[in-house]
Amino acid sequence: MMNEINLKCELEKILKGKVVILGIGNPFKGDDAVGIAFVDKIENLNNFDCINTGLFPENYTGEIISKKPDTLLIVDAVNINGNPGDVALLQPEQLNDKNFDSHRTSISLFVKYLKNFIDDNIYILGIQPKIISFGNQLSEEVKESINNLEKIFTDISKLNN
C-alpha cells in the first residue's frame, strides 16, 4: 500500500512513452468493477490509451500488442491484504492468482504471454476491494480511490504534454 505522494512519484516514473491502460473487472460484482470504472473516468486524458477489457482481457491481446506500448498498466481489484480502497503498484512477479478473486483466466498467464511482446514494462495497479459479490455497486472506499487516482493521472497527463 502506498500513500498518494509516493504513488504519484512511482507512476510518474513508469508512465512514459506510449502508455496502454487496461481496466479489468466485472461490472455486476461490486468492487470488482474498479478497473473498468477507472479507465472509463480517464479515457479522454491525453497520453493514455485506455482499453476496457471487462472480464476477458485475453480477448484484447492482439489489440494490446498492435499498439506497441512502452508501458502497460493493468488496473484491477486485487487482494493486497489492505483496507478497502488501498492502492498498490505491483510488478507481475509480486502476484499470484490467489490475489484475484473473480477472473476465470489466469492474470499471471495473461501477463506472461504479453511479456513476450512488451519487455518488462508491465505493471498492475491493484485496488483492495471491499465487496465482490453480484448485485453490489462500488463501495464508497473504492469510489474515493478512483477519484484520487483520476486526479493523479490528470496531473501526470498534463506533465507529459
N, C-alpha and C. Protein backbone atom coordinates (compact mmCIF):
# COMPACT_ATOMS: atom_id res chain seq x y z
N MET A 1 0.85 -1.17 0.00
CA MET A 1 0.00 0.00 0.00
C MET A 1 0.89 1.23 0.00
N MET A 2 0.49 2.19 -0.79
CA MET A 2 1.30 3.39 -0.93
C MET A 2 0.48 4.61 -0.59
N ASN A 3 1.17 5.60 -0.02
CA ASN A 3 0.45 6.85 0.17
C ASN A 3 0.39 7.57 -1.18
N GLU A 4 -0.47 8.57 -1.25
CA GLU A 4 -0.76 9.22 -2.53
C GLU A 4 0.47 9.87 -3.15
N ILE A 5 1.33 10.47 -2.34
CA ILE A 5 2.52 11.15 -2.86
C ILE A 5 3.50 10.13 -3.45
N ASN A 6 3.76 9.05 -2.72
CA ASN A 6 4.66 8.02 -3.23
C ASN A 6 4.10 7.37 -4.49
N LEU A 7 2.80 7.12 -4.50
CA LEU A 7 2.16 6.51 -5.66
C LEU A 7 2.32 7.41 -6.88
N LYS A 8 2.07 8.70 -6.70
CA LYS A 8 2.19 9.64 -7.82
C LYS A 8 3.62 9.66 -8.36
N CYS A 9 4.60 9.67 -7.47
CA CYS A 9 6.01 9.66 -7.89
C CYS A 9 6.34 8.40 -8.68
N GLU A 10 5.89 7.26 -8.18
CA GLU A 10 6.16 5.99 -8.87
C GLU A 10 5.47 5.94 -10.23
N LEU A 11 4.24 6.42 -10.30
CA LEU A 11 3.52 6.43 -11.57
C LEU A 11 4.18 7.38 -12.57
N GLU A 12 4.66 8.53 -12.10
CA GLU A 12 5.34 9.47 -12.99
C GLU A 12 6.57 8.81 -13.62
N LYS A 13 7.25 7.96 -12.87
CA LYS A 13 8.44 7.27 -13.38
C LYS A 13 8.11 6.27 -14.47
N ILE A 14 6.99 5.55 -14.30
CA ILE A 14 6.72 4.45 -15.24
C ILE A 14 5.81 4.83 -16.40
N LEU A 15 5.02 5.87 -16.27
CA LEU A 15 4.06 6.21 -17.32
C LEU A 15 4.72 7.11 -18.37
N LYS A 16 5.67 6.53 -19.08
CA LYS A 16 6.44 7.25 -20.10
C LYS A 16 6.20 6.61 -21.45
N GLY A 17 6.35 7.42 -22.50
CA GLY A 17 6.19 6.91 -23.85
C GLY A 17 4.73 6.57 -24.12
N LYS A 18 4.53 5.56 -24.92
CA LYS A 18 3.17 5.13 -25.25
C LYS A 18 2.66 4.24 -24.12
N VAL A 19 1.62 4.71 -23.45
CA VAL A 19 1.07 4.01 -22.28
C VAL A 19 -0.31 3.45 -22.62
N VAL A 20 -0.46 2.15 -22.43
CA VAL A 20 -1.76 1.50 -22.58
C VAL A 20 -2.21 1.08 -21.19
N ILE A 21 -3.45 1.46 -20.85
CA ILE A 21 -4.02 1.12 -19.55
C ILE A 21 -5.21 0.20 -19.76
N LEU A 22 -5.15 -0.98 -19.14
CA LEU A 22 -6.25 -1.94 -19.21
C LEU A 22 -7.07 -1.86 -17.95
N GLY A 23 -8.37 -1.74 -18.10
CA GLY A 23 -9.28 -1.85 -16.97
C GLY A 23 -9.96 -3.20 -17.02
N ILE A 24 -9.76 -3.98 -15.97
CA ILE A 24 -10.30 -5.34 -15.91
C ILE A 24 -11.35 -5.40 -14.81
N GLY A 25 -12.44 -6.14 -15.05
CA GLY A 25 -13.39 -6.34 -13.98
C GLY A 25 -14.78 -6.71 -14.46
N ASN A 26 -15.59 -7.05 -13.49
CA ASN A 26 -16.98 -7.44 -13.74
C ASN A 26 -17.88 -6.32 -13.23
N PRO A 27 -18.62 -5.67 -14.12
CA PRO A 27 -19.46 -4.54 -13.71
C PRO A 27 -20.63 -4.92 -12.81
N PHE A 28 -20.87 -6.22 -12.65
CA PHE A 28 -22.01 -6.67 -11.85
C PHE A 28 -21.60 -7.20 -10.47
N LYS A 29 -20.30 -7.09 -10.15
CA LYS A 29 -19.81 -7.67 -8.89
C LYS A 29 -19.11 -6.63 -8.02
N GLY A 30 -19.81 -5.57 -7.70
CA GLY A 30 -19.30 -4.59 -6.74
C GLY A 30 -17.95 -4.04 -7.10
N ASP A 31 -17.01 -4.12 -6.16
CA ASP A 31 -15.70 -3.52 -6.33
C ASP A 31 -14.84 -4.21 -7.38
N ASP A 32 -15.26 -5.36 -7.87
CA ASP A 32 -14.53 -5.99 -8.95
C ASP A 32 -14.56 -5.11 -10.20
N ALA A 33 -15.47 -4.16 -10.26
CA ALA A 33 -15.59 -3.27 -11.42
C ALA A 33 -14.61 -2.10 -11.36
N VAL A 34 -13.74 -2.05 -10.37
CA VAL A 34 -12.87 -0.89 -10.18
C VAL A 34 -12.02 -0.59 -11.41
N GLY A 35 -11.48 -1.59 -12.05
CA GLY A 35 -10.61 -1.36 -13.21
C GLY A 35 -11.35 -0.71 -14.36
N ILE A 36 -12.54 -1.23 -14.65
CA ILE A 36 -13.30 -0.67 -15.77
C ILE A 36 -13.88 0.71 -15.42
N ALA A 37 -14.24 0.91 -14.16
CA ALA A 37 -14.75 2.22 -13.74
C ALA A 37 -13.63 3.26 -13.85
N PHE A 38 -12.41 2.86 -13.51
CA PHE A 38 -11.29 3.79 -13.57
C PHE A 38 -10.97 4.18 -15.01
N VAL A 39 -10.84 3.21 -15.92
CA VAL A 39 -10.50 3.57 -17.30
C VAL A 39 -11.61 4.39 -17.94
N ASP A 40 -12.85 4.15 -17.56
CA ASP A 40 -13.95 4.98 -18.08
C ASP A 40 -13.77 6.44 -17.66
N LYS A 41 -13.22 6.66 -16.46
CA LYS A 41 -13.02 8.03 -15.96
C LYS A 41 -11.88 8.75 -16.65
N ILE A 42 -10.84 8.02 -17.04
CA ILE A 42 -9.66 8.70 -17.59
C ILE A 42 -9.48 8.50 -19.10
N GLU A 43 -10.44 7.89 -19.76
CA GLU A 43 -10.25 7.54 -21.17
C GLU A 43 -10.02 8.74 -22.08
N ASN A 44 -10.42 9.94 -21.66
CA ASN A 44 -10.24 11.11 -22.51
C ASN A 44 -8.98 11.90 -22.21
N LEU A 45 -8.17 11.43 -21.27
CA LEU A 45 -6.92 12.11 -20.97
C LEU A 45 -5.91 11.85 -22.10
N ASN A 46 -5.09 12.86 -22.37
CA ASN A 46 -4.01 12.68 -23.34
C ASN A 46 -2.98 11.74 -22.75
N ASN A 47 -2.20 11.12 -23.60
CA ASN A 47 -1.06 10.28 -23.23
C ASN A 47 -1.42 8.88 -22.77
N PHE A 48 -2.68 8.57 -22.60
CA PHE A 48 -3.07 7.24 -22.15
C PHE A 48 -4.05 6.63 -23.14
N ASP A 49 -3.77 5.41 -23.53
CA ASP A 49 -4.66 4.67 -24.42
C ASP A 49 -5.37 3.64 -23.54
N CYS A 50 -6.64 3.89 -23.25
CA CYS A 50 -7.38 3.05 -22.30
C CYS A 50 -8.20 1.99 -23.02
N ILE A 51 -8.17 0.79 -22.47
CA ILE A 51 -8.97 -0.31 -23.00
C ILE A 51 -9.77 -0.93 -21.86
N ASN A 52 -11.07 -0.93 -21.99
CA ASN A 52 -11.95 -1.59 -21.02
C ASN A 52 -12.11 -3.03 -21.50
N THR A 53 -11.45 -3.95 -20.81
CA THR A 53 -11.48 -5.36 -21.24
C THR A 53 -12.60 -6.15 -20.57
N GLY A 54 -13.26 -5.53 -19.59
CA GLY A 54 -14.28 -6.28 -18.86
C GLY A 54 -13.67 -7.52 -18.24
N LEU A 55 -14.37 -8.63 -18.37
CA LEU A 55 -13.92 -9.89 -17.77
C LEU A 55 -12.90 -10.66 -18.60
N PHE A 56 -12.67 -10.22 -19.84
CA PHE A 56 -11.90 -11.05 -20.75
C PHE A 56 -10.70 -10.32 -21.35
N PRO A 57 -9.70 -9.99 -20.53
CA PRO A 57 -8.54 -9.29 -21.07
C PRO A 57 -7.82 -10.08 -22.16
N GLU A 58 -7.89 -11.40 -22.09
CA GLU A 58 -7.22 -12.22 -23.09
C GLU A 58 -7.77 -11.99 -24.50
N ASN A 59 -9.02 -11.51 -24.60
CA ASN A 59 -9.59 -11.22 -25.91
C ASN A 59 -8.98 -9.97 -26.55
N TYR A 60 -8.20 -9.23 -25.81
CA TYR A 60 -7.62 -7.97 -26.29
C TYR A 60 -6.12 -8.07 -26.52
N THR A 61 -5.55 -9.27 -26.45
CA THR A 61 -4.10 -9.39 -26.59
C THR A 61 -3.63 -8.87 -27.95
N GLY A 62 -4.33 -9.18 -29.01
CA GLY A 62 -3.94 -8.70 -30.34
C GLY A 62 -3.94 -7.18 -30.41
N GLU A 63 -4.99 -6.57 -29.88
CA GLU A 63 -5.08 -5.11 -29.88
C GLU A 63 -3.97 -4.49 -29.04
N ILE A 64 -3.72 -5.06 -27.87
CA ILE A 64 -2.67 -4.55 -26.98
C ILE A 64 -1.32 -4.62 -27.67
N ILE A 65 -1.00 -5.76 -28.24
CA ILE A 65 0.29 -5.95 -28.89
C ILE A 65 0.44 -5.02 -30.09
N SER A 66 -0.64 -4.84 -30.87
CA SER A 66 -0.57 -3.98 -32.06
C SER A 66 -0.32 -2.51 -31.70
N LYS A 67 -0.67 -2.11 -30.50
CA LYS A 67 -0.44 -0.73 -30.06
C LYS A 67 1.02 -0.48 -29.69
N LYS A 68 1.78 -1.55 -29.52
CA LYS A 68 3.21 -1.47 -29.19
C LYS A 68 3.48 -0.51 -28.03
N PRO A 69 2.88 -0.77 -26.88
CA PRO A 69 3.08 0.15 -25.76
C PRO A 69 4.49 0.08 -25.19
N ASP A 70 4.96 1.24 -24.72
CA ASP A 70 6.20 1.27 -23.94
C ASP A 70 5.92 0.78 -22.53
N THR A 71 4.71 1.08 -22.05
CA THR A 71 4.29 0.67 -20.71
C THR A 71 2.85 0.16 -20.78
N LEU A 72 2.60 -0.95 -20.11
CA LEU A 72 1.25 -1.49 -19.97
C LEU A 72 0.91 -1.47 -18.49
N LEU A 73 -0.19 -0.81 -18.16
CA LEU A 73 -0.66 -0.74 -16.78
C LEU A 73 -2.01 -1.43 -16.71
N ILE A 74 -2.10 -2.45 -15.87
CA ILE A 74 -3.34 -3.20 -15.67
C ILE A 74 -3.97 -2.72 -14.37
N VAL A 75 -5.20 -2.26 -14.44
CA VAL A 75 -5.90 -1.77 -13.24
C VAL A 75 -7.00 -2.77 -12.91
N ASP A 76 -6.97 -3.26 -11.66
CA ASP A 76 -7.90 -4.32 -11.30
C ASP A 76 -8.07 -4.36 -9.78
N ALA A 77 -9.13 -5.00 -9.34
CA ALA A 77 -9.32 -5.30 -7.93
C ALA A 77 -8.36 -6.42 -7.58
N VAL A 78 -7.54 -6.17 -6.56
CA VAL A 78 -6.53 -7.14 -6.16
C VAL A 78 -6.53 -7.24 -4.63
N ASN A 79 -6.49 -8.45 -4.15
CA ASN A 79 -6.39 -8.64 -2.71
C ASN A 79 -4.94 -8.38 -2.30
N ILE A 80 -4.70 -7.17 -1.78
CA ILE A 80 -3.36 -6.79 -1.34
C ILE A 80 -3.26 -6.83 0.18
N ASN A 81 -4.25 -7.47 0.80
CA ASN A 81 -4.31 -7.59 2.27
C ASN A 81 -4.28 -6.22 2.95
N GLY A 82 -5.01 -5.28 2.33
CA GLY A 82 -5.08 -3.94 2.89
C GLY A 82 -6.51 -3.59 3.26
N ASN A 83 -6.72 -2.33 3.52
CA ASN A 83 -8.07 -1.81 3.79
C ASN A 83 -8.76 -1.54 2.47
N PRO A 84 -10.08 -1.62 2.43
CA PRO A 84 -10.80 -1.32 1.19
C PRO A 84 -10.38 0.04 0.62
N GLY A 85 -10.07 0.02 -0.68
CA GLY A 85 -9.66 1.24 -1.36
C GLY A 85 -8.16 1.47 -1.37
N ASP A 86 -7.40 0.70 -0.59
CA ASP A 86 -5.94 0.84 -0.63
C ASP A 86 -5.44 0.52 -2.03
N VAL A 87 -4.38 1.19 -2.43
CA VAL A 87 -3.83 1.03 -3.78
C VAL A 87 -2.38 0.60 -3.68
N ALA A 88 -1.98 -0.32 -4.55
CA ALA A 88 -0.58 -0.74 -4.63
C ALA A 88 -0.18 -0.85 -6.09
N LEU A 89 1.02 -0.37 -6.39
CA LEU A 89 1.60 -0.53 -7.72
C LEU A 89 2.52 -1.74 -7.65
N LEU A 90 2.19 -2.74 -8.44
CA LEU A 90 2.86 -4.04 -8.33
C LEU A 90 3.54 -4.45 -9.62
N GLN A 91 4.59 -5.22 -9.46
CA GLN A 91 5.22 -5.91 -10.58
C GLN A 91 4.49 -7.23 -10.76
N PRO A 92 4.40 -7.74 -11.97
CA PRO A 92 3.68 -9.02 -12.18
C PRO A 92 4.18 -10.16 -11.30
N GLU A 93 5.48 -10.20 -11.05
CA GLU A 93 6.02 -11.32 -10.25
C GLU A 93 5.60 -11.24 -8.79
N GLN A 94 5.04 -10.12 -8.36
CA GLN A 94 4.57 -9.99 -6.99
C GLN A 94 3.19 -10.63 -6.80
N LEU A 95 2.59 -11.03 -7.89
CA LEU A 95 1.23 -11.57 -7.84
C LEU A 95 1.22 -13.08 -7.93
N ASN A 96 0.16 -13.62 -7.37
CA ASN A 96 -0.20 -14.99 -7.70
C ASN A 96 -1.70 -14.95 -7.93
N ASP A 97 -2.22 -16.00 -8.49
CA ASP A 97 -3.63 -15.96 -8.86
C ASP A 97 -4.57 -15.96 -7.66
N LYS A 98 -4.04 -16.15 -6.47
CA LYS A 98 -4.88 -16.04 -5.28
C LYS A 98 -5.22 -14.58 -4.97
N ASN A 99 -4.45 -13.64 -5.57
CA ASN A 99 -4.72 -12.22 -5.37
C ASN A 99 -6.01 -11.79 -6.06
N PHE A 100 -6.40 -12.52 -7.10
CA PHE A 100 -7.56 -12.17 -7.90
C PHE A 100 -8.69 -13.13 -7.58
N ASP A 101 -9.82 -12.60 -7.16
CA ASP A 101 -10.90 -13.45 -6.69
C ASP A 101 -11.89 -13.88 -7.76
N SER A 102 -11.99 -13.13 -8.85
CA SER A 102 -13.19 -13.34 -9.66
C SER A 102 -12.95 -13.51 -11.15
N HIS A 103 -11.71 -13.72 -11.57
CA HIS A 103 -11.48 -13.84 -13.00
C HIS A 103 -11.27 -15.29 -13.39
N ARG A 104 -11.83 -15.64 -14.54
CA ARG A 104 -11.73 -17.01 -15.00
C ARG A 104 -10.34 -17.32 -15.56
N THR A 105 -9.76 -16.36 -16.24
CA THR A 105 -8.45 -16.57 -16.84
C THR A 105 -7.37 -16.15 -15.86
N SER A 106 -6.29 -16.87 -15.86
CA SER A 106 -5.16 -16.55 -15.00
C SER A 106 -4.53 -15.24 -15.44
N ILE A 107 -4.51 -14.27 -14.55
CA ILE A 107 -3.86 -12.99 -14.84
C ILE A 107 -2.36 -13.23 -15.03
N SER A 108 -1.79 -14.12 -14.25
CA SER A 108 -0.36 -14.42 -14.38
C SER A 108 -0.04 -14.97 -15.77
N LEU A 109 -0.87 -15.85 -16.26
CA LEU A 109 -0.67 -16.42 -17.59
C LEU A 109 -0.82 -15.34 -18.66
N PHE A 110 -1.80 -14.49 -18.51
CA PHE A 110 -2.05 -13.37 -19.43
C PHE A 110 -0.82 -12.46 -19.49
N VAL A 111 -0.30 -12.09 -18.34
CA VAL A 111 0.87 -11.21 -18.29
C VAL A 111 2.10 -11.90 -18.86
N LYS A 112 2.27 -13.18 -18.53
CA LYS A 112 3.42 -13.93 -19.05
C LYS A 112 3.40 -13.94 -20.57
N TYR A 113 2.24 -14.12 -21.16
CA TYR A 113 2.11 -14.10 -22.62
C TYR A 113 2.49 -12.72 -23.17
N LEU A 114 1.95 -11.65 -22.55
CA LEU A 114 2.23 -10.30 -23.03
C LEU A 114 3.70 -9.91 -22.91
N LYS A 115 4.39 -10.49 -21.93
CA LYS A 115 5.81 -10.17 -21.74
C LYS A 115 6.64 -10.59 -22.95
N ASN A 116 6.12 -11.49 -23.75
CA ASN A 116 6.82 -11.88 -24.98
C ASN A 116 6.87 -10.71 -25.97
N PHE A 117 6.01 -9.72 -25.79
CA PHE A 117 5.88 -8.63 -26.75
C PHE A 117 6.17 -7.25 -26.15
N ILE A 118 6.09 -7.12 -24.82
CA ILE A 118 6.14 -5.79 -24.18
C ILE A 118 7.31 -5.67 -23.20
N ASP A 119 8.35 -6.39 -23.36
CA ASP A 119 9.51 -6.31 -22.46
C ASP A 119 9.07 -6.47 -21.01
N ASP A 120 9.65 -5.66 -20.15
CA ASP A 120 9.35 -5.79 -18.72
C ASP A 120 8.55 -4.61 -18.18
N ASN A 121 7.98 -3.82 -19.04
CA ASN A 121 7.25 -2.63 -18.59
C ASN A 121 5.76 -2.90 -18.42
N ILE A 122 5.45 -3.93 -17.64
CA ILE A 122 4.07 -4.28 -17.33
C ILE A 122 3.90 -4.14 -15.82
N TYR A 123 2.88 -3.39 -15.43
CA TYR A 123 2.62 -3.14 -14.03
C TYR A 123 1.15 -3.38 -13.73
N ILE A 124 0.86 -3.66 -12.48
CA ILE A 124 -0.52 -3.82 -12.03
C ILE A 124 -0.80 -2.76 -10.98
N LEU A 125 -1.85 -2.00 -11.20
CA LEU A 125 -2.33 -1.05 -10.20
C LEU A 125 -3.48 -1.76 -9.51
N GLY A 126 -3.18 -2.32 -8.34
CA GLY A 126 -4.15 -3.12 -7.62
C GLY A 126 -4.88 -2.29 -6.58
N ILE A 127 -6.18 -2.43 -6.55
CA ILE A 127 -7.01 -1.70 -5.60
C ILE A 127 -7.75 -2.73 -4.74
N GLN A 128 -7.60 -2.58 -3.44
CA GLN A 128 -8.20 -3.53 -2.50
C GLN A 128 -9.72 -3.39 -2.53
N PRO A 129 -10.43 -4.46 -2.90
CA PRO A 129 -11.89 -4.40 -2.89
C PRO A 129 -12.46 -4.56 -1.48
N LYS A 130 -13.67 -4.08 -1.31
CA LYS A 130 -14.40 -4.30 -0.06
C LYS A 130 -15.40 -5.42 -0.26
N ILE A 131 -16.18 -5.31 -1.33
CA ILE A 131 -17.24 -6.28 -1.60
C ILE A 131 -17.14 -6.72 -3.06
N ILE A 132 -17.05 -8.03 -3.26
CA ILE A 132 -17.09 -8.60 -4.62
C ILE A 132 -18.18 -9.65 -4.63
N SER A 133 -19.38 -9.19 -4.83
CA SER A 133 -20.49 -10.14 -4.95
C SER A 133 -21.51 -9.55 -5.91
N PHE A 134 -22.30 -10.41 -6.50
CA PHE A 134 -23.27 -9.98 -7.51
C PHE A 134 -24.27 -9.01 -6.94
N GLY A 135 -24.60 -8.01 -7.76
CA GLY A 135 -25.66 -7.08 -7.42
C GLY A 135 -25.22 -5.88 -6.63
N ASN A 136 -23.97 -5.84 -6.22
CA ASN A 136 -23.49 -4.69 -5.46
C ASN A 136 -22.83 -3.67 -6.38
N GLN A 137 -22.81 -2.42 -5.92
CA GLN A 137 -22.12 -1.36 -6.63
C GLN A 137 -20.77 -1.13 -5.97
N LEU A 138 -19.99 -0.23 -6.55
CA LEU A 138 -18.69 0.10 -5.96
C LEU A 138 -18.88 0.62 -4.55
N SER A 139 -18.02 0.21 -3.64
CA SER A 139 -18.07 0.72 -2.27
C SER A 139 -17.58 2.16 -2.25
N GLU A 140 -17.93 2.89 -1.22
CA GLU A 140 -17.50 4.29 -1.10
C GLU A 140 -15.98 4.39 -1.04
N GLU A 141 -15.33 3.45 -0.37
CA GLU A 141 -13.87 3.46 -0.26
C GLU A 141 -13.21 3.33 -1.64
N VAL A 142 -13.74 2.45 -2.46
CA VAL A 142 -13.17 2.24 -3.78
C VAL A 142 -13.50 3.42 -4.69
N LYS A 143 -14.69 3.99 -4.57
CA LYS A 143 -15.01 5.19 -5.35
C LYS A 143 -14.05 6.33 -5.02
N GLU A 144 -13.73 6.47 -3.74
CA GLU A 144 -12.80 7.53 -3.33
C GLU A 144 -11.41 7.28 -3.93
N SER A 145 -10.98 6.03 -3.96
CA SER A 145 -9.68 5.70 -4.58
C SER A 145 -9.68 6.03 -6.06
N ILE A 146 -10.76 5.72 -6.75
CA ILE A 146 -10.86 6.03 -8.17
C ILE A 146 -10.75 7.54 -8.37
N ASN A 147 -11.44 8.32 -7.56
CA ASN A 147 -11.37 9.78 -7.68
C ASN A 147 -9.96 10.31 -7.42
N ASN A 148 -9.29 9.76 -6.41
CA ASN A 148 -7.91 10.17 -6.13
C ASN A 148 -6.97 9.79 -7.28
N LEU A 149 -7.15 8.60 -7.82
CA LEU A 149 -6.32 8.17 -8.94
C LEU A 149 -6.59 9.02 -10.18
N GLU A 150 -7.83 9.40 -10.39
CA GLU A 150 -8.15 10.26 -11.54
C GLU A 150 -7.37 11.58 -11.44
N LYS A 151 -7.28 12.15 -10.25
CA LYS A 151 -6.52 13.40 -10.06
C LYS A 151 -5.04 13.18 -10.36
N ILE A 152 -4.49 12.08 -9.87
CA ILE A 152 -3.08 11.77 -10.12
C ILE A 152 -2.82 11.63 -11.61
N PHE A 153 -3.65 10.86 -12.30
CA PHE A 153 -3.45 10.63 -13.73
C PHE A 153 -3.67 11.90 -14.55
N THR A 154 -4.58 12.75 -14.11
CA THR A 154 -4.79 14.04 -14.79
C THR A 154 -3.53 14.89 -14.66
N ASP A 155 -2.95 14.93 -13.47
CA ASP A 155 -1.71 15.69 -13.27
C ASP A 155 -0.58 15.14 -14.12
N ILE A 156 -0.43 13.84 -14.17
CA ILE A 156 0.63 13.22 -14.96
C ILE A 156 0.41 13.49 -16.44
N SER A 157 -0.83 13.44 -16.88
CA SER A 157 -1.15 13.72 -18.28
C SER A 157 -0.74 15.14 -18.66
N LYS A 158 -0.99 16.09 -17.76
CA LYS A 158 -0.59 17.48 -18.01
C LYS A 158 0.92 17.63 -18.06
N LEU A 159 1.63 16.90 -17.18
CA LEU A 159 3.10 16.96 -17.17
C LEU A 159 3.70 16.44 -18.46
N ASN A 160 3.09 15.40 -19.02
CA ASN A 160 3.64 14.74 -20.20
C ASN A 160 3.24 15.40 -21.51
N ASN A 161 2.44 16.44 -21.45
CA ASN A 161 2.03 17.13 -22.69
C ASN A 161 3.08 18.10 -23.16
